[in-house]
Amino acid sequence: MYSDREIYRLCTTCKAEDRQKAFALALSLTEHGAQACITCKRTEYKVWVSLRTQHLAASVPSPKAIASGVHGIALAV
């Protein structure tokens, strides 16, 4: 995805009812210094991470780990 002179790669897709998981992941990404973006449709939310900062996402827990409250390295870059 391209937005505001930045290229993003898809990090994860969440169902609309799992909106909090998408926002929790995006928040975690930004807390680790990565630039994140969320897009939404009626049925789903997508979390994107900037290609310039994706290396910072390696230390962020996976969406499944965030949902279950378990921490661990998950995002492959």
Protein backbone atom coordinates (compact mmCIF):
# COMPACT_ATOMS: atom_id res chain seq x y z
CA MET A 1 0.00 0.00 0.00
CA TYR A 2 1.20 3.49 -0.77
CA SER A 3 0.17 6.49 1.33
CA ASP A 4 1.69 9.92 1.89
CA ARG A 5 4.99 9.09 0.15
CA GLU A 6 5.41 5.93 2.23
CA ILE A 7 5.15 2.28 1.16
CA TYR A 8 3.60 -0.19 3.60
CA ARG A 9 3.49 -3.97 3.69
CA LEU A 10 0.55 -5.91 5.07
CA CYS A 11 1.20 -7.05 8.60
CA THR A 12 -2.10 -8.75 9.44
CA THR A 13 -5.84 -8.79 8.77
CA CYS A 14 -8.42 -8.94 11.55
CA LYS A 15 -12.17 -9.50 11.39
CA ALA A 16 -14.32 -6.47 12.13
CA GLU A 17 -15.26 -7.86 15.53
CA ASP A 18 -11.53 -8.10 16.40
CA ARG A 19 -10.97 -4.37 15.94
CA GLN A 20 -9.23 -4.06 19.31
CA LYS A 21 -6.60 -6.62 18.21
CA ALA A 22 -5.77 -4.53 15.14
CA PHE A 23 -5.46 -1.36 17.20
CA ALA A 24 -3.39 -3.12 19.88
CA LEU A 25 -0.96 -4.39 17.26
CA ALA A 26 -0.66 -0.98 15.58
CA LEU A 27 -0.05 0.64 18.95
CA SER A 28 2.60 -1.93 19.80
CA LEU A 29 4.31 -1.34 16.45
CA THR A 30 4.45 2.41 17.01
CA GLU A 31 5.70 1.96 20.58
CA HIS A 32 8.63 0.01 19.11
CA GLY A 33 9.36 2.82 16.63
CA ALA A 34 7.74 1.34 13.52
CA GLN A 35 5.33 3.40 11.44
CA ALA A 36 1.95 1.66 11.24
CA CYS A 37 -1.27 2.30 9.39
CA ILE A 38 -4.74 0.75 9.75
CA THR A 39 -7.26 0.41 6.95
CA CYS A 40 -10.80 -0.75 7.49
CA LYS A 41 -13.73 -2.17 5.64
CA ARG A 42 -17.10 -3.19 6.94
CA THR A 43 -15.85 -6.76 7.51
CA GLU A 44 -12.16 -6.37 8.35
CA TYR A 45 -9.27 -4.27 9.59
CA LYS A 46 -5.78 -4.43 8.09
CA VAL A 47 -2.60 -3.38 9.86
CA TRP A 48 0.25 -2.19 7.66
CA VAL A 49 3.86 -1.43 8.56
CA SER A 50 6.15 0.96 6.71
CA LEU A 51 8.93 -0.66 4.69
CA ARG A 52 11.33 1.94 6.08
CA THR A 53 10.63 0.94 9.68
CA GLN A 54 9.67 -2.72 9.30
CA HIS A 55 12.98 -3.83 10.85
CA LEU A 56 11.74 -2.32 14.13
CA ALA A 57 8.68 -4.59 13.99
CA ALA A 58 10.75 -7.74 14.59
CA SER A 59 10.52 -7.30 18.37
CA VAL A 60 6.74 -6.84 18.40
CA PRO A 61 4.55 -9.74 19.56
CA SER A 62 2.44 -11.45 16.91
CA PRO A 63 -1.24 -10.58 16.52
CA LYS A 64 -2.12 -14.00 18.00
CA ALA A 65 0.20 -13.41 20.95
CA ILE A 66 -1.30 -9.98 21.56
CA ALA A 67 -4.81 -11.45 21.43
CA SER A 68 -3.93 -14.17 23.95
CA GLY A 69 -1.83 -11.90 26.17
CA VAL A 70 1.33 -13.96 25.49
CA HIS A 71 4.45 -12.08 24.43
CA GLY A 72 6.98 -13.31 21.91
CA ILE A 73 8.77 -12.37 18.73
CA ALA A 74 6.55 -12.88 15.74
CA LEU A 75 6.72 -10.50 12.82
CA ALA A 76 9.04 -11.81 10.15
CA VAL A 77 10.64 -9.06 8.13
